[in-house]
Amino acid sequence: EVYIEGLGWVELGGAGVFRKEVTSPFGIDH
């Protein structure tokens, strides 16, 4: 969330760490 003058805190996107269910089938170990 970023602070916008006059609007307050505004959600701006999403983020996270890929689940192993996503990376493991492709041999991604990190």
PDB file of all heavy atoms in Angstrom:
ATOM      1  N   GLU A   1       0.851  -1.184   0.000  1.00  0.00           N
ATOM      2  CA  GLU A   1       0.000   0.000   0.000  1.00  0.00           C
ATOM      3  C   GLU A   1       0.888   1.235   0.000  1.00  0.00           C
ATOM      4  O   GLU A   1       1.927   1.257   0.657  1.00  0.00           O
ATOM      5  CB  GLU A   1      -0.913   0.025   1.240  1.00  0.00           C
ATOM      6  CG  GLU A   1      -1.962  -1.060   1.240  1.00  0.00           C
ATOM      7  CD  GLU A   1      -2.888  -0.948   2.448  1.00  0.00           C
ATOM      8  OE1 GLU A   1      -2.475  -0.341   3.455  1.00  0.00           O
ATOM      9  OE2 GLU A   1      -4.011  -1.457   2.378  1.00  0.00           O
ATOM     10  N   VAL A   2       0.495   2.256  -0.763  1.00  0.00           N
ATOM     11  CA  VAL A   2       1.250   3.508  -0.811  1.00  0.00           C
ATOM     12  C   VAL A   2       0.337   4.627  -0.320  1.00  0.00           C
ATOM     13  O   VAL A   2      -0.889   4.550  -0.436  1.00  0.00           O
ATOM     14  CB  VAL A   2       1.767   3.816  -2.230  1.00  0.00           C
ATOM     15  CG1 VAL A   2       2.706   2.726  -2.697  1.00  0.00           C
ATOM     16  CG2 VAL A   2       0.608   3.992  -3.210  1.00  0.00           C
ATOM     17  N   TYR A   3       0.947   5.661   0.227  1.00  0.00           N
ATOM     18  CA  TYR A   3       0.156   6.765   0.762  1.00  0.00           C
ATOM     19  C   TYR A   3       0.006   7.838  -0.303  1.00  0.00           C
ATOM     20  O   TYR A   3       0.986   8.339  -0.861  1.00  0.00           O
ATOM     21  CB  TYR A   3       0.819   7.359   2.006  1.00  0.00           C
ATOM     22  CG  TYR A   3      -0.063   8.383   2.694  1.00  0.00           C
ATOM     23  CD1 TYR A   3      -1.100   7.977   3.521  1.00  0.00           C
ATOM     24  CD2 TYR A   3       0.130   9.757   2.483  1.00  0.00           C
ATOM     25  CE1 TYR A   3      -1.936   8.904   4.138  1.00  0.00           C
ATOM     26  CE2 TYR A   3      -0.706  10.683   3.093  1.00  0.00           C
ATOM     27  CZ  TYR A   3      -1.734  10.249   3.913  1.00  0.00           C
ATOM     28  OH  TYR A   3      -2.552  11.168   4.507  1.00  0.00           O
ATOM     29  N   ILE A   4      -1.261   8.199  -0.598  1.00  0.00           N
ATOM     30  CA  ILE A   4      -1.574   9.234  -1.583  1.00  0.00           C
ATOM     31  C   ILE A   4      -2.246  10.397  -0.860  1.00  0.00           C
ATOM     32  O   ILE A   4      -3.238  10.202  -0.147  1.00  0.00           O
ATOM     33  CB  ILE A   4      -2.522   8.707  -2.681  1.00  0.00           C
ATOM     34  CG1 ILE A   4      -1.943   7.445  -3.353  1.00  0.00           C
ATOM     35  CG2 ILE A   4      -2.806   9.789  -3.713  1.00  0.00           C
ATOM     36  CD1 ILE A   4      -0.730   7.676  -4.187  1.00  0.00           C
ATOM     37  N   GLU A   5      -1.685  11.582  -1.014  1.00  0.00           N
ATOM     38  CA  GLU A   5      -2.259  12.759  -0.375  1.00  0.00           C
ATOM     39  C   GLU A   5      -3.708  12.953  -0.823  1.00  0.00           C
ATOM     40  O   GLU A   5      -4.013  12.974  -2.003  1.00  0.00           O
ATOM     41  CB  GLU A   5      -1.438  13.998  -0.749  1.00  0.00           C
ATOM     42  CG  GLU A   5      -1.734  15.213   0.117  1.00  0.00           C
ATOM     43  CD  GLU A   5      -1.267  15.067   1.549  1.00  0.00           C
ATOM     44  OE1 GLU A   5      -0.175  14.483   1.767  1.00  0.00           O
ATOM     45  OE2 GLU A   5      -1.990  15.527   2.438  1.00  0.00           O
ATOM     46  N   GLY A   6      -4.598  13.042   0.154  1.00  0.00           N
ATOM     47  CA  GLY A   6      -6.009  13.236  -0.153  1.00  0.00           C
ATOM     48  C   GLY A   6      -6.799  11.948  -0.257  1.00  0.00           C
ATOM     49  O   GLY A   6      -8.022  11.957  -0.191  1.00  0.00           O
ATOM     50  N   LEU A   7      -6.101  10.820  -0.439  1.00  0.00           N
ATOM     51  CA  LEU A   7      -6.770   9.522  -0.548  1.00  0.00           C
ATOM     52  C   LEU A   7      -6.433   8.591   0.600  1.00  0.00           C
ATOM     53  O   LEU A   7      -7.166   7.646   0.880  1.00  0.00           O
ATOM     54  CB  LEU A   7      -6.407   8.839  -1.881  1.00  0.00           C
ATOM     55  CG  LEU A   7      -6.847   9.535  -3.164  1.00  0.00           C
ATOM     56  CD1 LEU A   7      -6.332   8.765  -4.377  1.00  0.00           C
ATOM     57  CD2 LEU A   7      -8.369   9.643  -3.231  1.00  0.00           C
ATOM     58  N   GLY A   8      -5.288   8.826   1.221  1.00  0.00           N
ATOM     59  CA  GLY A   8      -4.842   7.929   2.286  1.00  0.00           C
ATOM     60  C   GLY A   8      -4.061   6.757   1.717  1.00  0.00           C
ATOM     61  O   GLY A   8      -3.409   6.854   0.670  1.00  0.00           O
ATOM     62  N   TRP A   9      -4.137   5.609   2.396  1.00  0.00           N
ATOM     63  CA  TRP A   9      -3.410   4.414   1.955  1.00  0.00           C
ATOM     64  C   TRP A   9      -4.183   3.702   0.856  1.00  0.00           C
ATOM     65  O   TRP A   9      -5.366   3.417   0.990  1.00  0.00           O
ATOM     66  CB  TRP A   9      -3.178   3.463   3.133  1.00  0.00           C
ATOM     67  CG  TRP A   9      -2.214   4.014   4.135  1.00  0.00           C
ATOM     68  CD1 TRP A   9      -2.507   4.640   5.308  1.00  0.00           C
ATOM     69  CD2 TRP A   9      -0.788   4.026   4.024  1.00  0.00           C
ATOM     70  NE1 TRP A   9      -1.358   5.035   5.945  1.00  0.00           N
ATOM     71  CE2 TRP A   9      -0.274   4.669   5.177  1.00  0.00           C
ATOM     72  CE3 TRP A   9       0.117   3.559   3.071  1.00  0.00           C
ATOM     73  CZ2 TRP A   9       1.088   4.852   5.396  1.00  0.00           C
ATOM     74  CZ3 TRP A   9       1.475   3.733   3.287  1.00  0.00           C
ATOM     75  CH2 TRP A   9       1.944   4.377   4.430  1.00  0.00           C
ATOM     76  N   VAL A  10      -3.482   3.434  -0.240  1.00  0.00           N
ATOM     77  CA  VAL A  10      -4.107   2.824  -1.421  1.00  0.00           C
ATOM     78  C   VAL A  10      -3.352   1.549  -1.780  1.00  0.00           C
ATOM     79  O   VAL A  10      -2.112   1.557  -1.910  1.00  0.00           O
ATOM     80  CB  VAL A  10      -4.084   3.790  -2.628  1.00  0.00           C
ATOM     81  CG1 VAL A  10      -4.674   3.115  -3.856  1.00  0.00           C
ATOM     82  CG2 VAL A  10      -4.832   5.074  -2.307  1.00  0.00           C
ATOM     83  N   GLU A  11      -4.102   0.450  -1.917  1.00  0.00           N
ATOM     84  CA  GLU A  11      -3.479  -0.822  -2.324  1.00  0.00           C
ATOM     85  C   GLU A  11      -2.991  -0.712  -3.761  1.00  0.00           C
ATOM     86  O   GLU A  11      -3.699  -0.220  -4.635  1.00  0.00           O
ATOM     87  CB  GLU A  11      -4.505  -1.960  -2.182  1.00  0.00           C
ATOM     88  CG  GLU A  11      -3.983  -3.320  -2.621  1.00  0.00           C
ATOM     89  CD  GLU A  11      -4.308  -3.644  -4.068  1.00  0.00           C
ATOM     90  OE1 GLU A  11      -5.431  -3.371  -4.506  1.00  0.00           O
ATOM     91  OE2 GLU A  11      -3.408  -4.153  -4.760  1.00  0.00           O
ATOM     92  N   LEU A  12      -1.772  -1.176  -4.009  1.00  0.00           N
ATOM     93  CA  LEU A  12      -1.180  -1.001  -5.331  1.00  0.00           C
ATOM     94  C   LEU A  12      -0.399  -2.250  -5.732  1.00  0.00           C
ATOM     95  O   LEU A  12       0.828  -2.265  -5.772  1.00  0.00           O
ATOM     96  CB  LEU A  12      -0.254   0.222  -5.328  1.00  0.00           C
ATOM     97  CG  LEU A  12      -0.099   0.980  -6.664  1.00  0.00           C
ATOM     98  CD1 LEU A  12      -1.454   1.463  -7.157  1.00  0.00           C
ATOM     99  CD2 LEU A  12       0.823   2.172  -6.494  1.00  0.00           C
ATOM    100  N   GLY A  13      -1.134  -3.333  -6.029  1.00  0.00           N
ATOM    101  CA  GLY A  13      -0.477  -4.543  -6.502  1.00  0.00           C
ATOM    102  C   GLY A  13      -0.513  -5.670  -5.497  1.00  0.00           C
ATOM    103  O   GLY A  13      -1.105  -5.570  -4.412  1.00  0.00           O
ATOM    104  N   GLY A  14       0.110  -6.760  -5.876  1.00  0.00           N
ATOM    105  CA  GLY A  14       0.216  -7.934  -5.012  1.00  0.00           C
ATOM    106  C   GLY A  14       1.568  -8.590  -5.181  1.00  0.00           C
ATOM    107  O   GLY A  14       2.227  -8.417  -6.213  1.00  0.00           O
ATOM    108  N   ALA A  15       2.004  -9.317  -4.165  1.00  0.00           N
ATOM    109  CA  ALA A  15       3.340  -9.920  -4.216  1.00  0.00           C
ATOM    110  C   ALA A  15       3.390 -11.152  -3.321  1.00  0.00           C
ATOM    111  O   ALA A  15       2.512 -11.358  -2.468  1.00  0.00           O
ATOM    112  CB  ALA A  15       4.395  -8.901  -3.774  1.00  0.00           C
ATOM    113  N   GLY A  16       4.428 -11.958  -3.502  1.00  0.00           N
ATOM    114  CA  GLY A  16       4.614 -13.133  -2.659  1.00  0.00           C
ATOM    115  C   GLY A  16       5.746 -14.000  -3.169  1.00  0.00           C
ATOM    116  O   GLY A  16       6.464 -13.638  -4.113  1.00  0.00           O
ATOM    117  N   VAL A  17       5.895 -15.159  -2.547  1.00  0.00           N
ATOM    118  CA  VAL A  17       6.898 -16.148  -2.949  1.00  0.00           C
ATOM    119  C   VAL A  17       6.158 -17.301  -3.613  1.00  0.00           C
ATOM    120  O   VAL A  17       5.186 -17.835  -3.037  1.00  0.00           O
ATOM    121  CB  VAL A  17       7.695 -16.650  -1.724  1.00  0.00           C
ATOM    122  CG1 VAL A  17       8.746 -17.667  -2.168  1.00  0.00           C
ATOM    123  CG2 VAL A  17       8.349 -15.484  -0.992  1.00  0.00           C
ATOM    124  N   PHE A  18       6.574 -17.691  -4.822  1.00  0.00           N
ATOM    125  CA  PHE A  18       5.903 -18.777  -5.531  1.00  0.00           C
ATOM    126  C   PHE A  18       5.853 -20.032  -4.663  1.00  0.00           C
ATOM    127  O   PHE A  18       6.842 -20.423  -4.039  1.00  0.00           O
ATOM    128  CB  PHE A  18       6.633 -19.094  -6.839  1.00  0.00           C
ATOM    129  CG  PHE A  18       6.183 -18.292  -8.020  1.00  0.00           C
ATOM    130  CD1 PHE A  18       7.003 -18.132  -9.125  1.00  0.00           C
ATOM    131  CD2 PHE A  18       4.931 -17.698  -8.047  1.00  0.00           C
ATOM    132  CE1 PHE A  18       6.595 -17.395 -10.225  1.00  0.00           C
ATOM    133  CE2 PHE A  18       4.505 -16.967  -9.143  1.00  0.00           C
ATOM    134  CZ  PHE A  18       5.348 -16.811 -10.222  1.00  0.00           C
ATOM    135  N   ARG A  19       4.697 -20.660  -4.660  1.00  0.00           N
ATOM    136  CA  ARG A  19       4.530 -21.921  -3.927  1.00  0.00           C
ATOM    137  C   ARG A  19       5.365 -23.017  -4.589  1.00  0.00           C
ATOM    138  O   ARG A  19       5.627 -22.976  -5.802  1.00  0.00           O
ATOM    139  CB  ARG A  19       3.057 -22.325  -3.926  1.00  0.00           C
ATOM    140  CG  ARG A  19       2.159 -21.379  -3.190  1.00  0.00           C
ATOM    141  CD  ARG A  19       0.697 -21.702  -3.373  1.00  0.00           C
ATOM    142  NE  ARG A  19       0.356 -23.056  -2.936  1.00  0.00           N
ATOM    143  CZ  ARG A  19      -0.871 -23.410  -2.529  1.00  0.00           C
ATOM    144  NH1 ARG A  19      -1.849 -22.509  -2.501  1.00  0.00           N
ATOM    145  NH2 ARG A  19      -1.123 -24.646  -2.156  1.00  0.00           N
ATOM    146  N   LYS A  20       5.737 -24.000  -3.797  1.00  0.00           N
ATOM    147  CA  LYS A  20       6.530 -25.115  -4.353  1.00  0.00           C
ATOM    148  C   LYS A  20       5.717 -25.898  -5.377  1.00  0.00           C
ATOM    149  O   LYS A  20       6.278 -26.518  -6.286  1.00  0.00           O
ATOM    150  CB  LYS A  20       6.990 -26.033  -3.222  1.00  0.00           C
ATOM    151  CG  LYS A  20       8.110 -25.434  -2.372  1.00  0.00           C
ATOM    152  CD  LYS A  20       8.654 -26.447  -1.378  1.00  0.00           C
ATOM    153  CE  LYS A  20       9.822 -25.848  -0.591  1.00  0.00           C
ATOM    154  NZ  LYS A  20      10.372 -26.814   0.399  1.00  0.00           N
ATOM    155  N   GLU A  21       4.382 -25.888  -5.227  1.00  0.00           N
ATOM    156  CA  GLU A  21       3.542 -26.572  -6.212  1.00  0.00           C
ATOM    157  C   GLU A  21       3.701 -25.947  -7.601  1.00  0.00           C
ATOM    158  O   GLU A  21       3.430 -26.607  -8.611  1.00  0.00           O
ATOM    159  CB  GLU A  21       2.072 -26.504  -5.804  1.00  0.00           C
ATOM    160  CG  GLU A  21       1.702 -27.380  -4.620  1.00  0.00           C
ATOM    161  CD  GLU A  21       1.762 -26.609  -3.309  1.00  0.00           C
ATOM    162  OE1 GLU A  21       2.487 -25.595  -3.250  1.00  0.00           O
ATOM    163  OE2 GLU A  21       1.083 -27.028  -2.362  1.00  0.00           O
ATOM    164  N   VAL A  22       4.145 -24.679  -7.661  1.00  0.00           N
ATOM    165  CA  VAL A  22       4.364 -23.995  -8.936  1.00  0.00           C
ATOM    166  C   VAL A  22       5.763 -24.268  -9.470  1.00  0.00           C
ATOM    167  O   VAL A  22       5.949 -24.534 -10.665  1.00  0.00           O
ATOM    168  CB  VAL A  22       4.141 -22.472  -8.766  1.00  0.00           C
ATOM    169  CG1 VAL A  22       4.490 -21.731 -10.061  1.00  0.00           C
ATOM    170  CG2 VAL A  22       2.702 -22.173  -8.366  1.00  0.00           C
ATOM    171  N   THR A  23       6.754 -24.203  -8.602  1.00  0.00           N
ATOM    172  CA  THR A  23       8.153 -24.283  -9.064  1.00  0.00           C
ATOM    173  C   THR A  23       8.685 -25.714  -9.178  1.00  0.00           C
ATOM    174  O   THR A  23       9.488 -26.020 -10.069  1.00  0.00           O
ATOM    175  CB  THR A  23       9.054 -23.493  -8.105  1.00  0.00           C
ATOM    176  OG1 THR A  23       8.899 -24.006  -6.770  1.00  0.00           O
ATOM    177  CG2 THR A  23       8.696 -22.018  -8.111  1.00  0.00           C
ATOM    178  N   SER A  24       8.240 -26.599  -8.306  1.00  0.00           N
ATOM    179  CA  SER A  24       8.812 -27.956  -8.259  1.00  0.00           C
ATOM    180  C   SER A  24       8.667 -28.743  -9.563  1.00  0.00           C
ATOM    181  O   SER A  24       9.621 -29.402 -10.003  1.00  0.00           O
ATOM    182  CB  SER A  24       8.187 -28.735  -7.096  1.00  0.00           C
ATOM    183  OG  SER A  24       8.709 -30.041  -7.034  1.00  0.00           O
ATOM    184  N   PRO A  25       7.494 -28.698 -10.260  1.00  0.00           N
ATOM    185  CA  PRO A  25       7.378 -29.488 -11.494  1.00  0.00           C
ATOM    186  C   PRO A  25       8.379 -29.087 -12.582  1.00  0.00           C
ATOM    187  O   PRO A  25       8.644 -29.875 -13.506  1.00  0.00           O
ATOM    188  CB  PRO A  25       5.946 -29.210 -11.954  1.00  0.00           C
ATOM    189  CG  PRO A  25       5.214 -28.832 -10.721  1.00  0.00           C
ATOM    190  CD  PRO A  25       6.202 -28.087  -9.900  1.00  0.00           C
ATOM    191  N   PHE A  26       8.985 -27.912 -12.479  1.00  0.00           N
ATOM    192  CA  PHE A  26       9.922 -27.446 -13.504  1.00  0.00           C
ATOM    193  C   PHE A  26      11.369 -27.511 -13.024  1.00  0.00           C
ATOM    194  O   PHE A  26      12.270 -26.947 -13.647  1.00  0.00           O
ATOM    195  CB  PHE A  26       9.567 -26.005 -13.911  1.00  0.00           C
ATOM    196  CG  PHE A  26       8.185 -25.873 -14.483  1.00  0.00           C
ATOM    197  CD1 PHE A  26       7.160 -25.298 -13.739  1.00  0.00           C
ATOM    198  CD2 PHE A  26       7.887 -26.369 -15.750  1.00  0.00           C
ATOM    199  CE1 PHE A  26       5.879 -25.189 -14.253  1.00  0.00           C
ATOM    200  CE2 PHE A  26       6.608 -26.267 -16.261  1.00  0.00           C
ATOM    201  CZ  PHE A  26       5.593 -25.682 -15.522  1.00  0.00           C
ATOM    202  N   GLY A  27      11.596 -28.210 -11.928  1.00  0.00           N
ATOM    203  CA  GLY A  27      12.964 -28.403 -11.440  1.00  0.00           C
ATOM    204  C   GLY A  27      13.581 -27.140 -10.861  1.00  0.00           C
ATOM    205  O   GLY A  27      14.813 -27.014 -10.832  1.00  0.00           O
ATOM    206  N   ILE A  28      12.761 -26.218 -10.392  1.00  0.00           N
ATOM    207  CA  ILE A  28      13.265 -24.980  -9.787  1.00  0.00           C
ATOM    208  C   ILE A  28      13.392 -25.227  -8.284  1.00  0.00           C
ATOM    209  O   ILE A  28      12.399 -25.453  -7.588  1.00  0.00           O
ATOM    210  CB  ILE A  28      12.312 -23.800 -10.064  1.00  0.00           C
ATOM    211  CG1 ILE A  28      12.172 -23.592 -11.580  1.00  0.00           C
ATOM    212  CG2 ILE A  28      12.801 -22.527  -9.387  1.00  0.00           C
ATOM    213  CD1 ILE A  28      11.055 -22.649 -11.973  1.00  0.00           C
ATOM    214  N   ASP A  29      14.626 -25.185  -7.784  1.00  0.00           N
ATOM    215  CA  ASP A  29      14.891 -25.565  -6.396  1.00  0.00           C
ATOM    216  C   ASP A  29      15.120 -24.382  -5.468  1.00  0.00           C
ATOM    217  O   ASP A  29      15.379 -24.579  -4.280  1.00  0.00           O
ATOM    218  CB  ASP A  29      16.132 -26.473  -6.337  1.00  0.00           C
ATOM    219  CG  ASP A  29      15.951 -27.749  -7.162  1.00  0.00           C
ATOM    220  OD1 ASP A  29      14.809 -28.259  -7.176  1.00  0.00           O
ATOM    221  OD2 ASP A  29      16.912 -28.201  -7.795  1.00  0.00           O
ATOM    222  N   HIS A  30      15.058 -23.173  -6.004  1.00  0.00           N
ATOM    223  CA  HIS A  30      15.341 -21.994  -5.174  1.00  0.00           C
ATOM    224  C   HIS A  30      14.110 -21.095  -5.113  1.00  0.00           C
ATOM    225  O   HIS A  30      13.239 -21.138  -6.001  1.00  0.00           O
ATOM    226  CB  HIS A  30      16.534 -21.220  -5.755  1.00  0.00           C
ATOM    227  CG  HIS A  30      17.782 -22.047  -5.828  1.00  0.00           C
ATOM    228  ND1 HIS A  30      18.552 -22.331  -4.739  1.00  0.00           N
ATOM    229  CD2 HIS A  30      18.372 -22.658  -6.893  1.00  0.00           C
ATOM    230  CE1 HIS A  30      19.585 -23.076  -5.106  1.00  0.00           C
ATOM    231  NE2 HIS A  30      19.496 -23.298  -6.416  1.00  0.00           N
TER     232      HIS A  30
END
